[in-house]
Structure formats: C-alpha cells, structure tokens
Amino acid sequence: MKSANPSIGELLAGHVDVVHTKWRFSLQKRIVELNGSKYVLYRFRSKKMMHRFEDALALLSGAGVPVQSVCARTSTLGEYLRHGHWLALSYLSGHPLGRSPGRLLMAELGKVMAKVNGISGPQSRSLFSRRRPELPHRAYLEMATGLDERQREWIGASLDRLQRLQGTQLTHGDLFVDNIIVMPDKTIGLIDYELMAYDHSGIELAGTLLRSFCRKNHTRRALVRAYMAACPPRLKTEWKQYCRDFVFAAAARLVLARQDRLRHIARKQRILDLRSALPFGPKTAEVARQRRAFQGIIRSAKKNEEYYLHVLSTMIDICIKNEGIGAVALLDKCDRSYRRTIARRQDGVKS
C-alpha cells in the first residue's frame, strides 16, 4: 500500500525495509525505508515520554534549529494495542558534516549550538536516557594514576567551580559528524536526540572542540566566535570564566564514554561468539563482517581515548602555570604535545 503520509502501521509492516535498529533502556530506534523514502521510528515506554519527545522537537524548531519533523505517530487505541507508542520522523535532507569542515560550516554549527543551549529547563536532567548528567571529576580521580597533589587540588577546585553553576541549558549530547547535517542551503541541522539533556552548555561546546572534525585552530576559533556572538549573555560570561573547567569536564566525559563503548563492544563480541557456536547461528560470512566492524569501532575508540587522556594529563599543568589561558590556546598546546608524543613513538618503532 502506497501513501504520501504513511501511518505507523504501514511503517511497521513486514514488507518495509529495516535499515538500522538501536535499543536503549527507555526507547527503541528503527530506521526504515518505504517507497523510496526513509523514516526514523522511535518506540517509547509511555505516551508521556512520546509527548515529551515531541515537545523537545517543538522547542528546537521554535528556536530556529532545523530538526526532523513528525510525520506519523500512534494515534488510536488499536494502534497502541498492536504496536505500542511509536513516533515516526522524516529524514533531514542533506549530508553529514564530514571530517574537515571549513570555517563557514563551523560558524553555522556555532550558531545552531547557541540556539539549542539558549533553551533552559530543570537542572542536570536527561530527557530520554537513564543517566543524569554528572560532572566527571571524581570518576576521573578514581581512574587516574600518577597525579600529584597540585593536580588533584586543581581538579577538586574545578569541580567546586562547576558545581556552583546552574547547568540548566538544553544540550544535544552527541554532536559528532554523523549527527550534524549540512542542508542544501548550507545551514546546519541536527539529528539523533536520544541523549538530549539539560546540562552545562559549556561542556558540550568544549566537547565539540575536542572532536576529531574540530582539531584545527581555525575551525575551533570559528565555532567559538559564532557561538559567543549568538548565545545568551550568561553563557558567554560563563564560558569566558570557566572554559578551562569545561574542557576538563568534556575530556573526562569523553574518556569515560569511550571506556563504556569498549565494554559494550566486548559484551557484543562474547554474544556473537556464543551465537556462532550454535548450529543454527549466523553464517560464517556474517560473523566475519560483524567482527571486522567491532574491530573498527575498537580501534577508533582507543585512538580517541588516547587523545582525550593526553589532553587531561597535559592541560592541568598548563592551567596551573597560566590561569587565564583560553580554550583554543589551551587545546593548541595540548595538541602540539600530543603530536610530539606520537612522533617520538613512531621514531621508536622505526629504530
């Protein structure tokens, strides 16, 4: 059955091509293709959560952020009894940001981030995830070894400074290249809203500066300048005063996230090994394909984890010596140190 505006029943029918699935504790995500068009489907545990998701999209759209539009939802008792609470979103036209965006695209991203962070709500509250946003300082102290007393004191003082801030800005929570869409008119749109939360917006800005697509000084400057020009005055003041603390918190969160990712992949590998040992398990070619995919994820996670750990271990001493250093200059020093470390390692391997 063809329809210009397919219903939830049509999008969940057996003949629909399922492109991707993802499970979280509070919601299920599914990307499907029907009649040449793709749709993103979310299944919620409750009608209240589904409405909260719609409200979040409405807030973003009202702030001028290009987001996916709702094109179908569970609307009748029959649909609910048969399928549960589902919401279908359209696909944003455009393409992912890419690994080497220029100044103009980074400036557009900064404006969009400022619009998102300009929305306020309850303090430190996740919208659709089990975990509340937490400052990662204590977790890093438990994990890190070899810190001296001055470094531990700086981390403790950083935690005290950030705990005094409100942390009530809406944040996307997962701003990597595939979730940032370049529209046909060169504006920026955002997709994947499962990790949205009310949190410290400066941590999200700092985390974006640490991402692999934003590790050049000119892209970092373009992002920060555009964000500062468009964000509310309070966020601008907080960034100028606490940007070093935001960088530390962002890097520590990214390290902890990579470690969670590696543990998750290890569990999936064990399950794959068990399934492949069964007589009715997946085919050998499919097992090999999944294992290659897992190895690629592991390599990427470990490489990024190494970079974030280097930033953490390097930036504290820099901040102790230069209390007023800006975020871009701080990360430039960390990057220079990281490149020297990699070069020494490569020279050691050659010799």
Protein backbone atom coordinates (compact mmCIF):
# COMPACT_ATOMS: atom_id res chain seq x y z
CA MET A 1 0.00 0.00 0.00
CA LYS A 2 1.44 3.34 -1.04
CA SER A 3 0.75 6.53 0.88
CA ALA A 4 2.13 10.06 0.72
CA ASN A 5 1.91 10.16 4.53
CA PRO A 6 2.31 6.57 5.74
CA SER A 7 0.79 5.55 9.05
CA ILE A 8 2.62 3.85 11.90
CA GLY A 9 1.02 0.58 10.83
CA GLU A 10 2.46 0.92 7.32
CA LEU A 11 5.92 1.81 8.62
CA LEU A 12 5.95 -1.22 10.93
CA ALA A 13 4.62 -3.66 8.33
CA GLY A 14 6.65 -6.72 7.39
CA HIS A 15 7.40 -5.58 3.82
CA VAL A 16 9.20 -2.41 4.99
CA ASP A 17 13.00 -2.50 4.68
CA VAL A 18 14.65 -2.07 8.08
CA VAL A 19 17.94 -0.20 7.58
CA HIS A 20 19.08 0.16 11.19
CA THR A 21 17.93 -0.66 14.73
CA LYS A 22 19.12 0.51 18.15
CA TRP A 23 17.91 -0.34 21.63
CA ARG A 24 18.11 1.83 24.72
CA PHE A 25 16.56 1.34 28.14
CA SER A 26 13.85 3.95 27.62
CA LEU A 27 13.30 3.84 23.86
CA GLN A 28 13.86 1.80 20.72
CA LYS A 29 15.04 3.33 17.46
CA ARG A 30 14.49 1.98 13.97
CA ILE A 31 15.31 3.44 10.54
CA VAL A 32 13.11 2.06 7.76
CA GLU A 33 12.66 2.64 4.03
CA LEU A 34 9.26 2.66 2.35
CA ASN A 35 8.55 3.55 -1.27
CA GLY A 36 11.99 5.11 -1.68
CA SER A 37 11.73 7.32 1.42
CA LYS A 38 13.45 6.80 4.78
CA TYR A 39 11.85 7.34 8.18
CA VAL A 40 13.23 7.29 11.71
CA LEU A 41 10.96 5.49 14.15
CA TYR A 42 11.08 5.67 17.95
CA ARG A 43 9.19 3.39 20.32
CA PHE A 44 8.60 4.76 23.82
CA ARG A 45 7.74 3.09 27.09
CA SER A 46 4.89 5.50 27.74
CA LYS A 47 2.66 8.01 26.00
CA LYS A 48 4.03 10.69 28.34
CA MET A 49 7.59 10.07 27.13
CA MET A 50 6.47 10.18 23.50
CA HIS A 51 4.85 13.57 24.11
CA ARG A 52 8.00 14.77 25.87
CA PHE A 53 9.98 13.84 22.76
CA GLU A 54 7.59 15.81 20.57
CA ASP A 55 7.77 18.77 22.95
CA ALA A 56 11.59 18.74 22.74
CA LEU A 57 11.44 18.81 18.94
CA ALA A 58 8.96 21.68 19.11
CA LEU A 59 11.32 23.63 21.39
CA LEU A 60 14.21 23.14 18.97
CA SER A 61 12.11 24.06 15.96
CA GLY A 62 10.75 27.12 17.77
CA ALA A 63 14.32 28.24 18.48
CA GLY A 64 15.12 28.09 14.76
CA VAL A 65 17.06 24.81 14.77
CA PRO A 66 16.43 22.64 11.67
CA VAL A 67 15.23 19.29 13.04
CA GLN A 68 13.34 16.27 11.79
CA SER A 69 9.57 16.70 11.59
CA VAL A 70 6.98 14.30 12.96
CA CYS A 71 5.19 12.57 10.08
CA ALA A 72 3.31 9.77 11.90
CA ARG A 73 2.53 8.67 15.45
CA THR A 74 0.49 6.14 17.38
CA SER A 75 -2.86 7.89 17.48
CA THR A 76 -5.56 5.26 18.08
CA LEU A 77 -6.17 2.64 20.75
CA GLY A 78 -5.94 -0.08 18.13
CA GLU A 79 -2.51 1.08 17.01
CA TYR A 80 -1.33 1.26 20.60
CA LEU A 81 -2.58 -2.24 21.46
CA ARG A 82 -0.97 -3.68 18.35
CA HIS A 83 2.30 -1.75 18.19
CA GLY A 84 2.85 0.35 21.34
CA HIS A 85 3.81 4.05 21.44
CA TRP A 86 5.62 4.92 18.20
CA LEU A 87 6.69 8.19 16.63
CA ALA A 88 7.96 8.50 13.02
CA LEU A 89 10.25 11.32 11.92
CA SER A 90 11.17 12.39 8.42
CA TYR A 91 14.77 12.39 7.17
CA LEU A 92 16.61 15.69 7.03
CA SER A 93 17.74 16.47 3.50
CA GLY A 94 21.48 17.00 3.27
CA HIS A 95 24.68 15.17 4.15
CA PRO A 96 26.79 14.67 7.31
CA LEU A 97 29.23 17.42 8.25
CA GLY A 98 32.33 15.47 7.22
CA ARG A 99 35.81 15.15 8.68
CA SER A 100 37.25 18.50 7.55
CA PRO A 101 34.60 21.25 7.63
CA GLY A 102 35.62 24.80 6.82
CA ARG A 103 35.16 27.99 8.80
CA LEU A 104 31.73 28.80 7.35
CA LEU A 105 30.21 25.46 8.33
CA MET A 106 31.77 25.65 11.79
CA ALA A 107 30.33 29.13 12.21
CA GLU A 108 26.89 27.80 11.23
CA LEU A 109 27.29 24.98 13.75
CA GLY A 110 28.20 27.51 16.45
CA LYS A 111 25.01 29.48 15.77
CA VAL A 112 22.87 26.32 15.94
CA MET A 113 24.52 25.20 19.19
CA ALA A 114 23.82 28.63 20.69
CA LYS A 115 20.14 28.31 19.77
CA VAL A 116 19.93 24.87 21.37
CA ASN A 117 21.73 25.98 24.52
CA GLY A 118 19.53 29.06 24.75
CA ILE A 119 16.66 26.79 25.83
CA SER A 120 16.51 26.37 29.62
CA GLY A 121 14.89 23.72 31.79
CA PRO A 122 15.40 21.70 35.00
CA GLN A 123 18.90 21.29 36.37
CA SER A 124 21.02 18.29 35.27
CA ARG A 125 18.16 16.27 33.83
CA SER A 126 18.25 13.74 30.99
CA LEU A 127 15.26 13.75 28.70
CA PHE A 128 15.35 10.18 27.37
CA SER A 129 18.34 8.46 28.97
CA ARG A 130 18.64 6.61 32.27
CA ARG A 131 21.69 8.58 33.39
CA ARG A 132 21.57 12.08 34.75
CA PRO A 133 24.38 14.35 33.53
CA GLU A 134 27.12 14.28 36.16
CA LEU A 135 30.39 16.13 36.50
CA PRO A 136 33.14 13.55 35.85
CA HIS A 137 35.86 14.87 38.18
CA ARG A 138 35.51 12.25 40.91
CA ALA A 139 35.29 9.41 38.40
CA TYR A 140 38.48 10.64 36.74
CA LEU A 141 40.28 10.90 40.09
CA GLU A 142 39.37 7.28 40.82
CA MET A 143 40.61 6.19 37.41
CA ALA A 144 43.77 8.30 37.02
CA THR A 145 47.11 7.25 38.48
CA GLY A 146 50.28 9.26 38.99
CA LEU A 147 48.60 12.57 39.80
CA ASP A 148 50.49 14.76 42.23
CA GLU A 149 48.91 16.83 44.99
CA ARG A 150 48.79 20.08 42.97
CA GLN A 151 46.99 18.32 40.10
CA ARG A 152 44.45 16.76 42.46
CA GLU A 153 43.86 20.12 44.08
CA TRP A 154 43.22 21.72 40.68
CA ILE A 155 40.67 19.01 39.79
CA GLY A 156 38.92 19.47 43.14
CA ALA A 157 38.79 23.24 42.69
CA SER A 158 37.46 22.79 39.15
CA LEU A 159 34.67 20.59 40.48
CA ASP A 160 33.76 23.22 43.08
CA ARG A 161 33.62 25.93 40.43
CA LEU A 162 31.33 23.98 38.09
CA GLN A 163 29.05 22.83 40.90
CA ARG A 164 28.18 26.46 41.56
CA LEU A 165 26.82 26.88 38.02
CA GLN A 166 23.19 26.16 37.14
CA GLY A 167 23.57 23.53 34.42
CA THR A 168 20.06 24.09 33.04
CA GLN A 169 20.75 24.54 29.30
CA LEU A 170 19.37 22.13 26.73
CA THR A 171 22.22 20.14 25.15
CA HIS A 172 22.20 17.69 22.25
CA GLY A 173 24.59 15.28 23.95
CA ASP A 174 26.04 13.55 20.88
CA LEU A 175 27.48 16.11 18.45
CA PHE A 176 29.69 14.03 16.19
CA VAL A 177 29.85 14.32 12.40
CA ASP A 178 27.05 11.89 11.52
CA ASN A 179 24.55 13.75 13.72
CA ILE A 180 25.34 17.17 12.20
CA ILE A 181 23.66 17.59 8.81
CA VAL A 182 24.64 20.14 6.18
CA MET A 183 21.41 21.22 4.48
CA PRO A 184 21.21 22.10 0.77
CA ASP A 185 21.29 25.82 1.65
CA LYS A 186 24.49 25.25 3.74
CA THR A 187 22.70 25.69 7.05
CA ILE A 188 23.19 23.11 9.81
CA GLY A 189 20.56 20.69 11.10
CA LEU A 190 20.75 18.17 13.94
CA ILE A 191 19.53 14.58 14.16
CA ASP A 192 19.56 11.84 16.86
CA TYR A 193 18.03 13.30 20.01
CA GLU A 194 18.21 10.32 22.40
CA LEU A 195 20.96 11.82 24.58
CA MET A 196 19.45 15.29 24.93
CA ALA A 197 19.70 16.69 28.45
CA TYR A 198 19.58 19.87 30.50
CA ASP A 199 23.20 20.32 31.44
CA HIS A 200 26.19 22.69 31.47
CA SER A 201 26.23 24.00 27.90
CA GLY A 202 29.92 24.90 28.17
CA ILE A 203 30.80 21.22 28.48
CA GLU A 204 29.06 20.49 25.17
CA LEU A 205 30.87 23.39 23.47
CA ALA A 206 34.20 22.17 24.86
CA GLY A 207 33.40 18.59 23.84
CA THR A 208 32.77 19.76 20.28
CA LEU A 209 36.17 21.46 20.23
CA LEU A 210 37.70 18.10 21.20
CA ARG A 211 36.01 16.12 18.42
CA SER A 212 38.19 14.89 15.57
CA PHE A 213 36.48 17.15 13.00
CA CYS A 214 37.31 20.23 15.10
CA ARG A 215 41.01 19.84 15.92
CA LYS A 216 42.33 22.73 13.84
CA ASN A 217 42.73 26.19 15.32
CA HIS A 218 40.79 27.95 12.57
CA THR A 219 37.78 25.65 12.93
CA ARG A 220 37.83 25.97 16.71
CA ARG A 221 38.01 29.76 16.53
CA ALA A 222 35.18 29.94 14.00
CA LEU A 223 32.97 27.75 16.19
CA VAL A 224 33.65 29.67 19.41
CA ARG A 225 33.29 33.11 17.83
CA ALA A 226 29.94 32.27 16.22
CA TYR A 227 28.70 30.66 19.42
CA MET A 228 29.74 33.64 21.55
CA ALA A 229 28.02 36.05 19.17
CA ALA A 230 24.72 34.16 19.30
CA CYS A 231 24.46 32.67 22.80
CA PRO A 232 22.69 34.32 25.79
CA PRO A 233 24.92 36.75 27.76
CA ARG A 234 25.08 34.50 30.83
CA LEU A 235 26.51 31.60 28.82
CA LYS A 236 29.08 33.91 27.23
CA THR A 237 30.20 35.08 30.67
CA GLU A 238 30.39 31.52 32.00
CA TRP A 239 32.49 30.37 29.04
CA LYS A 240 34.99 33.20 29.44
CA GLN A 241 35.39 32.48 33.14
CA TYR A 242 35.22 28.68 33.24
CA CYS A 243 36.26 27.46 29.77
CA ARG A 244 39.25 25.53 31.20
CA ASP A 245 36.96 23.69 33.63
CA PHE A 246 34.57 22.91 30.76
CA VAL A 247 37.43 21.49 28.68
CA PHE A 248 38.50 19.23 31.55
CA ALA A 249 34.93 18.03 32.18
CA ALA A 250 34.34 17.40 28.45
CA ALA A 251 37.57 15.42 28.01
CA ALA A 252 36.89 13.33 31.11
CA ARG A 253 33.35 12.57 29.97
CA LEU A 254 34.60 11.55 26.54
CA VAL A 255 37.18 9.21 28.11
CA LEU A 256 34.54 7.57 30.30
CA ALA A 257 32.20 7.26 27.31
CA ARG A 258 34.91 5.53 25.24
CA GLN A 259 35.54 3.11 28.08
CA ASP A 260 31.81 2.34 28.26
CA ARG A 261 31.84 1.84 24.50
CA LEU A 262 34.71 -0.66 24.70
CA ARG A 263 32.93 -2.63 27.44
CA HIS A 264 29.75 -2.65 25.37
CA ILE A 265 31.58 -3.96 22.29
CA ALA A 266 33.28 -6.65 24.41
CA ARG A 267 29.86 -7.85 25.55
CA LYS A 268 28.58 -7.90 21.97
CA GLN A 269 31.65 -9.89 20.89
CA ARG A 270 31.00 -12.51 23.58
CA ILE A 271 27.38 -12.81 22.48
CA LEU A 272 28.48 -13.15 18.84
CA ASP A 273 30.93 -15.91 19.82
CA LEU A 274 28.17 -17.80 21.62
CA ARG A 275 25.75 -17.42 18.70
CA SER A 276 28.35 -18.50 16.14
CA ALA A 277 28.98 -21.69 18.13
CA LEU A 278 25.34 -22.76 17.78
CA PRO A 279 24.33 -24.99 14.84
CA PHE A 280 21.56 -22.53 13.89
CA GLY A 281 23.69 -19.42 14.46
CA PRO A 282 24.61 -16.74 11.91
CA LYS A 283 26.51 -17.61 8.76
CA THR A 284 30.30 -17.51 8.72
CA ALA A 285 30.40 -14.51 6.36
CA GLU A 286 28.05 -12.53 8.63
CA VAL A 287 30.13 -13.37 11.71
CA ALA A 288 33.30 -12.23 9.94
CA ARG A 289 31.61 -8.99 8.85
CA GLN A 290 30.45 -8.20 12.39
CA ARG A 291 33.86 -8.96 13.84
CA ARG A 292 35.51 -6.60 11.35
CA ALA A 293 33.01 -3.92 12.31
CA PHE A 294 33.72 -4.46 16.01
CA GLN A 295 37.46 -4.19 15.44
CA GLY A 296 37.00 -0.91 13.58
CA ILE A 297 34.93 0.51 16.45
CA ILE A 298 37.53 -0.65 18.98
CA ARG A 299 40.42 0.94 17.05
CA SER A 300 38.58 4.25 16.76
CA ALA A 301 37.52 4.26 20.42
CA LYS A 302 41.05 3.50 21.65
CA LYS A 303 42.59 6.16 19.41
CA ASN A 304 40.18 8.82 20.64
CA GLU A 305 40.55 7.67 24.24
CA GLU A 306 44.31 8.08 23.99
CA TYR A 307 43.90 11.64 22.70
CA TYR A 308 41.42 12.64 25.41
CA LEU A 309 43.61 11.13 28.13
CA HIS A 310 46.58 13.11 26.82
CA VAL A 311 44.55 16.32 26.92
CA LEU A 312 43.59 15.60 30.53
CA SER A 313 47.11 14.81 31.65
CA THR A 314 48.59 17.82 29.84
CA MET A 315 46.06 20.58 30.40
CA ILE A 316 46.16 20.62 34.21
CA ASP A 317 49.82 21.67 34.35
CA ILE A 318 49.20 24.25 31.62
CA CYS A 319 46.26 25.71 33.55
CA ILE A 320 48.25 25.81 36.80
CA LYS A 321 51.00 27.82 35.09
CA ASN A 322 48.62 30.01 33.05
CA GLU A 323 45.31 30.50 34.86
CA GLY A 324 43.84 32.82 32.22
CA ILE A 325 44.56 30.78 29.08
CA GLY A 326 41.67 30.47 26.62
CA ALA A 327 40.20 27.18 25.47
CA VAL A 328 41.54 27.33 21.90
CA ALA A 329 45.06 28.22 23.03
CA LEU A 330 44.92 25.54 25.71
CA LEU A 331 43.89 22.84 23.24
CA ASP A 332 46.54 24.02 20.77
CA LYS A 333 49.22 23.43 23.41
CA CYS A 334 47.75 20.00 24.21
CA ASP A 335 47.66 19.09 20.52
CA ARG A 336 51.27 20.13 19.98
CA SER A 337 52.32 17.97 22.91
CA TYR A 338 50.24 15.07 21.59
CA ARG A 339 51.83 15.28 18.12
CA ARG A 340 55.30 15.26 19.69
CA THR A 341 54.34 12.16 21.70
CA ILE A 342 53.11 10.36 18.58
CA ALA A 343 56.24 11.37 16.65
CA ARG A 344 58.54 10.03 19.39
CA ARG A 345 56.61 6.77 19.44
CA GLN A 346 56.87 6.37 15.66
CA ASP A 347 60.63 7.12 15.78
CA GLY A 348 60.98 4.46 18.45
CA VAL A 349 59.18 1.90 16.31
CA LYS A 350 61.39 2.70 13.28
CA SER A 351 64.58 2.44 15.27
